[in-house]
Amino acid sequence: MKANHVAFPGPFLLETGEILEDIEITYHTLGTLNADSKVVWICHALTANSNAQDWWAGMVGDDKFFNGQDYFVVCANIIGSCYGATGPLSVNPRTETPYFGNFPYVTVRDMVAAHDKLRKYLGIERIYAIIGSSIGGFQAIEYALLMQDKIDHLVLIATNCRVTPWCTAFNEAQRMSVFSDKTYFDNVPEGGMEGMKAARAIALLSYRSYDGYNSTQYEENDDVIFAGRAASYERYQGKKLADRFNAYSYVIMTKAFDSHNIGRLRGGVENALASLKMKTLLIGIDSDILFPTAELKFMLNNIPNSQYEELSSVFGHDGFLLESEQLSTIIRRFFYAG
């Protein structure tokens, strides 16, 4: 995918009433945009970036389902993140120093509003399909509600229409871990990193499953006294995130997660779902404990032109990243059947 960057000067009003003086967005594209292009807009998840070919390698690329020959693929970094969009490590024009912990909370609708600026900048009038998983699915459904008559297909994978107390509890436990690291309040780029490592370890328990851990993290030596392989994996994943992310963005991202409610100011979730006009595909994962399949089936019962498919995976929520063959088959059938 090709990397691009754009700045939008002028005040950007957030849903909370706070204002960002300007916003910047890094985005990646694959293929060529022209009048006949089938535009596929991919919304990325919590700590991913705009290079969907990097984190969704099984689905995006010249020899994959989402390729540059059949589609013009767009993926943009969300505000509050740290991969080229305006976020906590950006310089606040008012103080000429980075925001750090003073970056304002953003909502999913703020993320979508920023990306709609990008859509207009690119001159995209119609989107063939918008697709997202997890918080990417939050963005996708909000975008579908914003652009009712300009989107042909909506694909929602392992997501829901309103944040559940279950998800918010996971998010708060992660933020508590970050805030317990006192260096977070030093407002330096490396602040809160140890806390974020612990937060990531908590998150992984919601991303994977009982069978997923047990199939990959059993001790290879039956004579070991203290089991440690799963513990090492948790620490490895915490360090892996710390090497590429920052604690301030992590707090902003998890808080944005908690803003998700498509029914807010729309007469409730059932009313919002019933208003969706495009052809919609809902994909659940049979082992997902973060977004159980009941969440997708609820949307199925309330979105008029929708259908449901289920991925079979031992890897829980992360199955959307790993089960590319199943996913490609399901989406192909949805796009081209009838």
Foldseek 3Di string as FASTA:
>chain_A
DDKDKDKAAAWQAFPVRDIQRIKMKIKDKAADDDPPAAEEEEEEDQQDARPCCVLQVQAEECPHLNHRVRHIYMGMGFDQFDHTIPHQCDQRPVVRHGNQQVDDFHALLSRLVVVVVVCVVVVPQAHAEYEYEASRLLNQLSNCLVCQPRYAEYEYEHYFQAADPVLLVLLVVLVVLQVVQVQSVVRDQARSLVSNLVSQLSVQPQQFFPLRCVVPQDDPDPPDDDRCRVVVVSNVRSVVSSVPGGPRSSNSSSVNSNNRHQCVVQPHDLSSQCPRDHAYEYEYECGRPNRHVVRSVVSVVRHDRYDYDYHYDNTYNCVSSVVSVVVSVVVVCSSPPD
